[in-house]
Amino acid sequence: MSRLRVPPVVAMVVMATVGGFAAAVPPALADPPVAEQPVLAALRRDLGVADPVARLAAERAAAETDRGLRAALGSRFGGSWFDAGRGALVVAVTDARDARLVRAGGAEPRVVARGEAVLATAKRLLDRAAASAPAAVPGWRTDLAADTVVVKHAPGAADRARRWVAASGADPAAISYAESPERPRPLIDVVGGNRYWTSKYGCSVGFSVQGGFITAGHCGEVGETTTQPGGRFEGSSFPTDDMAFVRTNAAENPVGAVNDYNGGRVAVKGAREAPVGASICRSGGTTGWHCGTIRSRDATVDYGPEIGKVYEAIETSACAEPGDSGGSAISDGQAQGVTSGGSGDCKGGAATTYFQPVPEILTRYGVSLLTSDGGPGNPPACGTAATGDVTSGGSTVQPAAGYFDAGAGAHKGCLRGPAGADFDLYLQKQSGTSWRTVASGTGPDATETVSYNGTAGRYRWLVRSYSGSGRFTLETTKP
């Protein structure tokens, strides 16, 4: 597919039946919903919260209290914030007589001089003067607990910040200043099917991988830079095949999902090949989301004498148009290919679109596909990824340390190797001084998935080549 040329809370209460009556289990004691588990882990990791279930319960209660007191106080409500140290909501008031009402409503009162409305007025005046703000002022914000609007400034730039504030008309008594070294930049989600730009063309993201995304090779040569998201082509091949790897800048955020162009994202669960005849849907920046069926997984397409041929492509009945190049082709959550080219359009009638298979791209550039939930309720297919090499008839152990310790529960491994090879995957458990295979995947190609529910112990993954050699990606989870 040719490139697009650039023109000049509500609290949860778990109920348990006790002696025929419904008894509320305290939130801190209840088993949290599965969807909350990543949140709880992040609270422990990032905020050092010892009991994240209790923390969330307190925050939900505070939100309920906040709504009630806002309604009761009306214009006298001076703002509120959650005090994590005391696990309580604090409400600001400008009249000490309202403190009793705040306490009765379940919050702690704080008498302040200005309050939320006055601070909002000062900030709006700064916002109106934003165009004239010096580069040394990276931002400003209201701070309800301090009863002020904080203006940030670079080291040594306090005088410039003060002169700008004075010209804005904002009440200087409502303003405080804070030295800040920050240099904000936008963070862009790198999502399959989204548009990106080079210096000449508009193409589409294929799939996010560790460090960037994969796309079509005809979208850019090695060294070409991209914007929205920002990156650089580190690998590119076209014709014969049509593949590329773009390493994105640190500010970008690769996500294991595909844009469905209907307000949501489709989770990428892996890269298992769908059979001929299966449905396949593609996502691209020009025409959005369209589906068809797989006609062949080994097609040769001739793009003409001035360009050349692409071999071993996936041929489908899905439609695509210029600018969809490089975009995602996915089947039942499994990444299939990136859009190469085709004929017809999405306005009706017959269409044919060809895709470069994903496993070959991952192997060529030694990158790992990112999987993601893409939304609640759909956990990643496998998890932590590692790469390695195996020779024909040989084997290698993962992880590199030679083993890992695991508790009782579910193990899962997803192996992807080069096209044409036959790699097998084994999960082994240590028994005394030897290793015993407890689960295996020994299909006829280099793509294997192994699941096993086991007891606690020491384990390892073994990748063995039945035939062929090359680089593989192994994604695993452990209990």
Protein backbone atom coordinates (compact mmCIF):
# COMPACT_ATOMS: atom_id res chain seq x y z
CA MET A 1 0.00 0.00 0.00
CA SER A 2 1.60 3.25 -1.07
CA ARG A 3 2.54 5.83 1.51
CA LEU A 4 0.52 8.94 2.14
CA ARG A 5 2.52 11.88 0.81
CA VAL A 6 2.77 14.92 3.05
CA PRO A 7 1.05 17.96 1.50
CA PRO A 8 3.20 21.47 1.20
CA VAL A 9 -15.81 5.81 42.80
CA VAL A 10 -18.02 4.38 44.28
CA ALA A 11 -16.81 2.20 47.26
CA MET A 12 -16.94 -1.57 46.71
CA VAL A 13 -18.42 -3.69 49.51
CA VAL A 14 -17.85 -7.44 49.44
CA MET A 15 -20.61 -9.40 51.12
CA ALA A 16 -20.13 -12.74 52.85
CA THR A 17 -22.90 -14.96 54.20
CA VAL A 18 -22.54 -15.61 57.91
CA GLY A 19 -25.19 -17.64 59.72
CA GLY A 20 -27.73 -16.77 57.05
CA PHE A 21 -27.09 -13.03 57.23
CA ALA A 22 -25.11 -10.84 54.83
CA ALA A 23 -22.03 -9.48 56.57
CA ALA A 24 -19.88 -6.78 55.05
CA VAL A 25 -16.23 -7.78 54.82
CA PRO A 26 -13.96 -4.83 55.66
CA PRO A 27 -12.35 -3.58 52.44
CA ALA A 28 -8.84 -4.24 53.71
CA LEU A 29 -9.72 -7.90 54.29
CA ALA A 30 -11.65 -8.60 51.10
CA ASP A 31 -9.97 -10.15 48.08
CA PRO A 32 -9.57 -7.31 45.56
CA PRO A 33 -11.01 -7.74 42.06
CA VAL A 34 -8.56 -9.10 39.48
CA ALA A 35 -8.78 -5.84 37.51
CA GLU A 36 -7.40 -3.95 40.53
CA GLN A 37 -4.32 -6.12 41.00
CA PRO A 38 -2.02 -4.00 38.75
CA VAL A 39 -3.18 -0.87 40.59
CA LEU A 40 -2.37 -2.39 43.96
CA ALA A 41 1.08 -3.48 42.78
CA ALA A 42 1.81 0.01 41.42
CA LEU A 43 0.73 1.66 44.71
CA ARG A 44 3.15 -0.57 46.60
CA ARG A 45 5.96 0.04 44.11
CA ASP A 46 5.58 3.76 43.40
CA LEU A 47 4.11 5.16 46.63
CA GLY A 48 5.38 2.63 49.15
CA VAL A 49 1.83 1.95 50.35
CA ALA A 50 1.88 -1.04 52.70
CA ASP A 51 -1.86 -1.73 52.47
CA PRO A 52 -3.09 -0.46 49.07
CA VAL A 53 -6.55 -2.02 49.52
CA ALA A 54 -7.13 0.06 52.64
CA ARG A 55 -5.68 3.13 50.89
CA LEU A 56 -8.13 2.81 48.00
CA ALA A 57 -11.03 2.29 50.39
CA ALA A 58 -10.09 5.48 52.25
CA GLU A 59 -9.82 7.44 49.01
CA ARG A 60 -13.24 6.22 47.86
CA ALA A 61 -14.77 7.23 51.18
CA ALA A 62 -13.10 10.64 50.90
CA ALA A 63 -14.56 11.13 47.42
CA GLU A 64 -18.06 10.42 48.78
CA THR A 65 -17.53 12.87 51.66
CA ASP A 66 -16.24 15.50 49.24
CA ARG A 67 -19.39 15.32 47.11
CA GLY A 68 -21.62 15.71 50.14
CA LEU A 69 -19.77 18.70 51.60
CA ARG A 70 -19.51 20.48 48.26
CA ALA A 71 -23.28 20.34 48.02
CA ALA A 72 -23.78 21.41 51.63
CA LEU A 73 -21.35 24.35 51.58
CA GLY A 74 -21.95 25.61 48.06
CA SER A 75 -19.94 28.77 47.33
CA ARG A 76 -18.39 28.61 50.82
CA PHE A 77 -16.55 25.39 49.90
CA GLY A 78 -12.88 26.38 49.74
CA GLY A 79 -11.44 23.23 48.16
CA SER A 80 -10.41 19.81 49.43
CA TRP A 81 -7.57 17.30 49.36
CA PHE A 82 -6.88 13.80 50.65
CA ASP A 83 -4.32 13.64 53.44
CA ALA A 84 -2.65 10.25 52.92
CA GLY A 85 -0.84 10.39 56.26
CA ARG A 86 -4.10 10.56 58.21
CA GLY A 87 -6.22 8.79 55.61
CA ALA A 88 -8.74 11.64 55.76
CA LEU A 89 -10.29 14.32 53.60
CA VAL A 90 -9.38 17.92 54.46
CA VAL A 91 -11.81 20.68 53.44
CA ALA A 92 -10.81 24.34 53.25
CA VAL A 93 -13.23 27.02 54.43
CA THR A 94 -12.84 30.78 54.62
CA ASP A 95 -15.30 31.17 57.51
CA ALA A 96 -14.43 29.44 60.81
CA ARG A 97 -18.14 28.98 61.49
CA ASP A 98 -18.25 26.34 58.74
CA ALA A 99 -15.71 24.13 60.51
CA ARG A 100 -18.42 22.42 62.58
CA LEU A 101 -20.36 21.48 59.45
CA VAL A 102 -17.21 20.04 57.88
CA ARG A 103 -16.52 17.87 60.93
CA ALA A 104 -20.11 16.68 61.00
CA GLY A 105 -19.78 15.70 57.36
CA GLY A 106 -16.81 13.43 58.11
CA ALA A 107 -13.86 15.64 57.07
CA GLU A 108 -11.20 17.76 58.77
CA PRO A 109 -11.64 21.56 58.39
CA ARG A 110 -8.86 23.98 57.43
CA VAL A 111 -9.53 27.74 57.64
CA VAL A 112 -7.76 29.54 54.77
CA ALA A 113 -7.45 33.14 53.60
CA ARG A 114 -8.39 32.68 49.93
CA GLY A 115 -9.81 29.28 49.00
CA GLU A 116 -10.56 27.49 45.74
CA ALA A 117 -12.53 30.23 43.92
CA VAL A 118 -9.97 33.01 44.54
CA LEU A 119 -7.10 30.76 43.47
CA ALA A 120 -8.98 29.76 40.34
CA THR A 121 -9.37 33.43 39.39
CA ALA A 122 -5.64 34.06 39.81
CA LYS A 123 -4.76 31.02 37.74
CA ARG A 124 -7.15 32.01 34.93
CA LEU A 125 -5.34 35.34 34.65
CA LEU A 126 -2.02 33.49 34.34
CA ASP A 127 -3.56 31.18 31.73
CA ARG A 128 -4.67 34.18 29.67
CA ALA A 129 -1.10 35.45 29.73
CA ALA A 130 0.36 32.06 28.82
CA ALA A 131 1.54 33.19 25.38
CA SER A 132 3.90 35.71 26.95
CA ALA A 133 5.24 33.36 29.65
CA PRO A 134 9.05 33.08 29.47
CA ALA A 135 10.57 29.76 28.44
CA ALA A 136 12.05 29.59 31.95
CA VAL A 137 8.51 29.11 33.35
CA PRO A 138 7.53 25.49 32.65
CA GLY A 139 4.10 25.74 34.27
CA TRP A 140 1.90 26.81 37.16
CA ARG A 141 -0.73 25.17 39.33
CA THR A 142 -3.10 25.73 42.20
CA ASP A 143 -2.02 24.29 45.56
CA LEU A 144 -5.12 24.09 47.75
CA ALA A 145 -3.29 22.88 50.85
CA ALA A 146 -0.90 25.86 50.68
CA ASP A 147 -3.72 28.22 49.60
CA THR A 148 -1.67 29.59 46.71
CA VAL A 149 -0.97 29.38 43.00
CA VAL A 150 2.54 28.00 42.49
CA VAL A 151 4.51 29.38 39.53
CA LYS A 152 7.48 27.19 38.61
CA HIS A 153 10.65 28.70 37.23
CA ALA A 154 14.08 27.52 36.14
CA PRO A 155 17.04 28.04 38.49
CA GLY A 156 18.05 31.70 38.47
CA ALA A 157 14.86 32.81 36.68
CA ALA A 158 12.74 33.94 39.64
CA ASP A 159 12.85 37.62 38.59
CA ARG A 160 11.62 36.80 35.07
CA ALA A 161 8.76 34.79 36.54
CA ARG A 162 7.78 37.62 38.88
CA ARG A 163 7.78 40.20 36.08
CA TRP A 164 5.53 37.98 33.98
CA VAL A 165 3.11 37.43 36.88
CA ALA A 166 2.97 41.17 37.57
CA ALA A 167 2.06 41.86 33.93
CA SER A 168 -0.70 39.21 34.01
CA GLY A 169 -2.82 41.13 36.54
CA ALA A 170 -3.00 38.21 38.95
CA ASP A 171 -3.08 39.09 42.67
CA PRO A 172 0.58 38.80 43.78
CA ALA A 173 -0.55 37.79 47.28
CA ALA A 174 -2.09 34.64 45.81
CA ILE A 175 1.11 33.62 44.02
CA SER A 176 4.13 31.71 45.30
CA TYR A 177 7.22 30.63 43.40
CA ALA A 178 9.07 27.33 43.20
CA GLU A 179 12.39 26.64 41.50
CA SER A 180 12.04 23.64 39.17
CA PRO A 181 14.51 21.94 36.81
CA GLU A 182 11.76 20.19 34.86
CA ARG A 183 11.51 20.43 31.08
CA PRO A 184 8.10 18.99 30.20
CA ARG A 185 7.55 17.19 26.89
CA PRO A 186 4.51 15.42 25.48
CA LEU A 187 4.20 11.68 26.02
CA ILE A 188 2.64 9.92 23.03
CA ASP A 189 1.12 6.44 23.16
CA VAL A 190 2.51 4.37 20.31
CA VAL A 191 -0.53 2.31 19.25
CA GLY A 192 -0.93 0.02 16.27
CA GLY A 193 -2.80 1.59 13.36
CA ASN A 194 -2.08 5.19 14.38
CA ARG A 195 -0.66 7.63 11.85
CA TYR A 196 2.98 8.70 12.00
CA TRP A 197 5.00 10.98 9.71
CA THR A 198 8.40 10.99 8.09
CA SER A 199 9.91 13.96 6.25
CA LYS A 200 8.10 12.85 3.07
CA TYR A 201 5.29 10.46 3.91
CA GLY A 202 2.48 9.53 6.24
CA CYS A 203 2.38 5.84 7.21
CA SER A 204 0.84 3.81 10.02
CA VAL A 205 2.26 2.08 13.09
CA GLY A 206 2.25 -1.69 12.81
CA PHE A 207 2.78 -3.06 16.31
CA SER A 208 4.60 -1.79 19.37
CA VAL A 209 7.74 -3.68 20.33
CA GLN A 210 10.32 -3.20 23.04
CA GLY A 211 11.91 0.15 22.23
CA GLY A 212 9.63 1.27 19.43
CA PHE A 213 7.39 -0.12 16.71
CA ILE A 214 7.48 -2.19 13.53
CA THR A 215 6.08 -0.99 10.23
CA ALA A 216 6.55 -1.31 6.45
CA GLY A 217 10.04 -0.98 4.99
CA HIS A 218 8.88 1.15 2.08
CA CYS A 219 7.83 3.86 4.57
CA GLY A 220 11.43 4.89 5.29
CA GLU A 221 15.08 4.02 4.91
CA VAL A 222 17.54 3.49 7.76
CA GLY A 223 18.27 6.85 9.38
CA GLU A 224 14.94 8.45 8.38
CA THR A 225 13.28 10.17 11.35
CA THR A 226 9.61 10.15 12.32
CA THR A 227 7.27 12.45 14.19
CA GLN A 228 4.08 11.76 16.16
CA PRO A 229 5.60 9.54 17.52
CA GLY A 230 9.19 10.66 17.26
CA GLY A 231 11.79 8.07 16.36
CA ARG A 232 14.32 6.82 13.83
CA PHE A 233 14.35 3.89 11.38
CA GLU A 234 17.00 1.53 12.73
CA GLY A 235 16.20 -1.22 10.25
CA SER A 236 14.41 -1.22 6.90
CA SER A 237 14.09 -3.70 4.02
CA PHE A 238 12.20 -3.28 0.72
CA PRO A 239 11.57 -4.88 -1.74
CA THR A 240 11.91 -8.72 -1.47
CA ASP A 241 10.29 -8.18 1.90
CA ASP A 242 8.63 -5.08 3.37
CA MET A 243 9.61 -4.53 6.98
CA ALA A 244 11.12 -1.92 9.25
CA PHE A 245 11.86 -1.22 12.91
CA VAL A 246 11.56 2.33 14.27
CA ARG A 247 13.22 3.02 17.60
CA THR A 248 11.15 5.68 19.33
CA ASN A 249 12.36 8.53 21.52
CA ALA A 250 12.28 8.28 25.30
CA ALA A 251 9.22 10.54 25.45
CA GLU A 252 7.04 8.03 23.57
CA ASN A 253 5.12 5.21 25.21
CA PRO A 254 4.77 2.00 23.14
CA VAL A 255 1.52 0.18 23.98
CA GLY A 256 0.65 -3.40 23.09
CA ALA A 257 -2.69 -2.55 21.50
CA VAL A 258 -4.26 -1.61 18.16
CA ASN A 259 -6.56 1.34 17.46
CA ASP A 260 -10.02 0.05 16.48
CA TYR A 261 -11.06 3.54 15.26
CA ASN A 262 -14.28 3.21 17.22
CA GLY A 263 -13.07 4.86 20.41
CA GLY A 264 -11.23 1.84 21.77
CA ARG A 265 -8.19 -0.39 21.50
CA VAL A 266 -7.83 -4.07 20.66
CA ALA A 267 -5.45 -5.98 22.92
CA VAL A 268 -2.42 -7.58 21.30
CA LYS A 269 -2.10 -11.01 22.92
CA GLY A 270 0.70 -12.52 20.87
CA ALA A 271 1.75 -13.35 17.30
CA ARG A 272 0.29 -16.82 16.70
CA GLU A 273 -0.43 -17.36 13.01
CA ALA A 274 -4.10 -17.58 12.00
CA PRO A 275 -4.98 -20.19 9.35
CA VAL A 276 -5.93 -19.48 5.76
CA GLY A 277 -9.64 -18.69 5.64
CA ALA A 278 -9.62 -17.03 9.05
CA SER A 279 -10.88 -13.48 9.48
CA ILE A 280 -8.31 -10.71 9.72
CA CYS A 281 -8.77 -7.03 10.53
CA ARG A 282 -6.42 -4.20 9.71
CA SER A 283 -5.99 -0.75 11.20
CA GLY A 284 -4.49 2.27 9.47
CA GLY A 285 -4.37 6.04 9.62
CA THR A 286 -6.25 6.62 6.34
CA THR A 287 -9.22 4.25 6.39
CA GLY A 288 -9.31 3.12 10.02
CA TRP A 289 -10.52 -0.41 10.78
CA HIS A 290 -11.51 -2.89 8.05
CA CYS A 291 -11.71 -6.67 7.95
CA GLY A 292 -11.45 -9.48 5.41
CA THR A 293 -10.24 -13.07 5.23
CA ILE A 294 -6.82 -14.64 4.73
CA ARG A 295 -6.46 -16.08 1.23
CA SER A 296 -2.85 -17.21 1.46
CA ARG A 297 0.11 -17.06 3.81
CA ASP A 298 2.66 -17.45 1.02
CA ALA A 299 1.94 -14.95 -1.72
CA THR A 300 4.29 -13.10 -4.07
CA VAL A 301 3.25 -9.61 -5.13
CA ASP A 302 4.83 -7.70 -8.02
CA TYR A 303 4.82 -3.92 -7.47
CA GLY A 304 6.14 -3.26 -10.99
CA PRO A 305 9.54 -3.06 -12.67
CA GLU A 306 10.52 0.18 -10.96
CA ILE A 307 9.91 -1.23 -7.47
CA GLY A 308 10.16 -5.02 -7.45
CA LYS A 309 8.54 -7.99 -5.78
CA VAL A 310 7.74 -8.94 -2.21
CA TYR A 311 7.73 -12.64 -1.34
CA GLU A 312 6.06 -14.79 1.33
CA ALA A 313 3.40 -12.16 2.02
CA ILE A 314 -0.03 -12.71 3.54
CA GLU A 315 -2.74 -12.10 0.93
CA THR A 316 -6.18 -11.03 2.20
CA SER A 317 -9.51 -9.68 1.01
CA ALA A 318 -9.29 -6.73 3.44
CA CYS A 319 -9.22 -3.26 1.91
CA ALA A 320 -6.63 -0.52 2.43
CA GLU A 321 -5.58 2.77 0.86
CA PRO A 322 -2.47 4.98 0.66
CA GLY A 323 -1.33 5.99 4.14
CA ASP A 324 -2.47 2.70 5.67
CA SER A 325 1.01 1.35 4.85
CA GLY A 326 2.75 -0.24 7.78
CA GLY A 327 -0.46 -0.54 9.79
CA SER A 328 -1.58 -3.48 11.90
CA ALA A 329 -3.24 -6.70 10.73
CA ILE A 330 -4.62 -8.70 13.64
CA SER A 331 -6.73 -11.84 14.04
CA ASP A 332 -8.36 -12.74 17.37
CA GLY A 333 -5.85 -10.63 19.26
CA GLN A 334 -2.87 -12.20 17.50
CA ALA A 335 -0.57 -9.93 15.47
CA GLN A 336 -0.42 -11.20 11.88
CA GLY A 337 1.32 -8.64 9.70
CA VAL A 338 2.04 -5.03 8.75
CA THR A 339 0.36 -3.54 5.68
CA SER A 340 2.52 -3.65 2.55
CA GLY A 341 0.34 -2.91 -0.49
CA GLY A 342 -2.57 -4.03 -2.60
CA SER A 343 -5.26 -3.07 -5.05
CA GLY A 344 -8.75 -1.62 -4.84
CA ASP A 345 -9.93 0.68 -2.08
CA CYS A 346 -12.35 0.83 0.83
CA LYS A 347 -15.17 2.51 -1.08
CA GLY A 348 -16.71 -0.75 -2.22
CA GLY A 349 -15.97 -3.56 -4.64
CA ALA A 350 -13.19 -6.11 -4.62
CA ALA A 351 -9.96 -5.37 -2.78
CA THR A 352 -6.74 -7.22 -2.08
CA THR A 353 -4.19 -6.26 0.54
CA TYR A 354 -0.82 -7.87 1.30
CA PHE A 355 0.92 -7.97 4.66
CA GLN A 356 4.46 -8.67 5.79
CA PRO A 357 4.25 -11.41 8.50
CA VAL A 358 5.08 -10.20 12.02
CA PRO A 359 7.26 -13.14 13.26
CA GLU A 360 9.80 -12.57 10.48
CA ILE A 361 10.09 -8.87 11.40
CA LEU A 362 10.63 -9.66 15.09
CA THR A 363 13.31 -12.19 14.21
CA ARG A 364 15.06 -9.95 11.68
CA TYR A 365 15.47 -7.04 14.09
CA GLY A 366 15.71 -9.01 17.33
CA VAL A 367 12.81 -7.23 18.98
CA SER A 368 9.97 -8.47 21.20
CA LEU A 369 6.30 -7.80 20.58
CA LEU A 370 4.57 -5.84 23.33
CA THR A 371 1.39 -7.42 24.62
CA SER A 372 -1.14 -5.55 26.70
CA ASP A 373 -4.62 -5.70 28.14
CA GLY A 374 -5.79 -2.84 25.87
CA GLY A 375 -8.50 -2.24 28.48
CA PRO A 376 -9.91 -4.03 31.53
CA GLY A 377 -10.45 -7.74 31.62
CA ASN A 378 -7.97 -8.94 29.00
CA PRO A 379 -4.59 -9.81 30.56
CA PRO A 380 -1.44 -10.06 28.46
CA ALA A 381 -0.87 -13.35 26.65
CA CYS A 382 2.41 -14.28 28.28
CA GLY A 383 4.35 -11.48 29.93
CA THR A 384 8.06 -10.83 30.37
CA ALA A 385 10.02 -11.22 27.14
CA ALA A 386 13.55 -12.45 26.49
CA THR A 387 15.41 -13.24 23.28
CA GLY A 388 18.08 -15.77 22.38
CA ASP A 389 19.62 -17.86 19.61
CA VAL A 390 19.62 -21.58 18.99
CA THR A 391 21.47 -23.63 16.35
CA SER A 392 19.94 -26.52 14.39
CA GLY A 393 19.71 -29.54 16.69
CA GLY A 394 20.86 -27.48 19.67
CA SER A 395 19.16 -26.12 22.78
CA THR A 396 19.41 -23.24 25.21
CA VAL A 397 18.07 -22.46 28.67
CA GLN A 398 16.09 -19.42 29.78
CA PRO A 399 16.48 -17.34 31.89
CA ALA A 400 20.17 -16.61 31.43
CA ALA A 401 20.75 -17.36 35.13
CA GLY A 402 19.79 -20.96 34.41
CA TYR A 403 16.70 -21.16 36.60
CA PHE A 404 14.01 -19.23 38.44
CA ASP A 405 12.15 -19.83 41.67
CA ALA A 406 8.35 -19.80 41.62
CA GLY A 407 5.46 -20.28 43.98
CA ALA A 408 2.53 -22.58 43.41
CA GLY A 409 0.31 -21.59 40.49
CA ALA A 410 0.19 -21.04 36.75
CA HIS A 411 3.18 -20.85 34.42
CA LYS A 412 2.92 -19.79 30.80
CA GLY A 413 5.45 -19.56 27.99
CA CYS A 414 5.05 -18.29 24.43
CA LEU A 415 7.85 -19.06 21.98
CA ARG A 416 8.30 -17.41 18.59
CA GLY A 417 11.11 -18.34 16.23
CA PRO A 418 11.98 -17.78 12.56
CA ALA A 419 9.76 -18.90 9.70
CA GLY A 420 10.70 -22.32 8.33
CA ALA A 421 12.26 -23.53 11.59
CA ASP A 422 10.84 -26.07 14.05
CA PHE A 423 11.60 -25.06 17.64
CA ASP A 424 10.15 -26.82 20.71
CA LEU A 425 9.56 -25.43 24.20
CA TYR A 426 9.88 -27.31 27.49
CA LEU A 427 9.15 -26.27 31.07
CA GLN A 428 11.38 -28.20 33.46
CA LYS A 429 11.39 -28.47 37.25
CA GLN A 430 14.40 -29.32 39.36
CA SER A 431 14.16 -32.68 41.10
CA GLY A 432 17.19 -33.30 43.29
CA THR A 433 20.22 -32.74 41.04
CA SER A 434 18.36 -33.28 37.74
CA TRP A 435 15.70 -31.51 35.69
CA ARG A 436 12.33 -33.09 34.90
CA THR A 437 10.10 -31.87 32.01
CA VAL A 438 6.65 -31.02 33.37
CA ALA A 439 5.11 -29.42 30.27
CA SER A 440 6.06 -29.03 26.62
CA GLY A 441 5.07 -27.61 23.24
CA THR A 442 6.35 -29.65 20.30
CA GLY A 443 4.37 -28.49 17.28
CA PRO A 444 5.64 -28.56 13.67
CA ASP A 445 6.86 -24.92 13.53
CA ALA A 446 8.72 -22.38 15.66
CA THR A 447 5.67 -21.03 17.50
CA GLU A 448 4.78 -22.81 20.75
CA THR A 449 2.63 -22.04 23.79
CA VAL A 450 2.98 -23.94 27.07
CA SER A 451 0.75 -23.63 30.15
CA TYR A 452 1.28 -25.47 33.42
CA ASN A 453 -0.21 -25.27 36.91
CA GLY A 454 2.45 -26.48 39.33
CA THR A 455 3.73 -26.56 42.86
CA ALA A 456 6.38 -24.25 44.28
CA GLY A 457 9.95 -24.96 43.30
CA ARG A 458 12.85 -24.19 40.98
CA TYR A 459 12.08 -24.12 37.26
CA ARG A 460 13.64 -23.33 33.88
CA TRP A 461 12.56 -23.03 30.25
CA LEU A 462 14.37 -25.05 27.57
CA VAL A 463 14.23 -24.05 23.89
CA ARG A 464 15.30 -26.83 21.52
CA SER A 465 15.68 -26.76 17.74
CA TYR A 466 14.28 -29.81 15.99
CA SER A 467 15.28 -28.22 12.69
CA GLY A 468 16.52 -24.81 11.60
CA SER A 469 18.35 -22.13 13.52
CA GLY A 470 18.00 -18.46 14.39
CA ARG A 471 16.77 -15.96 16.93
CA PHE A 472 13.72 -16.56 19.10
CA THR A 473 11.57 -14.57 21.50
CA LEU A 474 10.26 -16.21 24.67
CA GLU A 475 7.58 -14.50 26.77
CA THR A 476 6.87 -16.02 30.16
CA THR A 477 4.87 -15.57 33.33
CA LYS A 478 5.31 -17.34 36.63
CA PRO A 479 3.19 -17.53 39.79
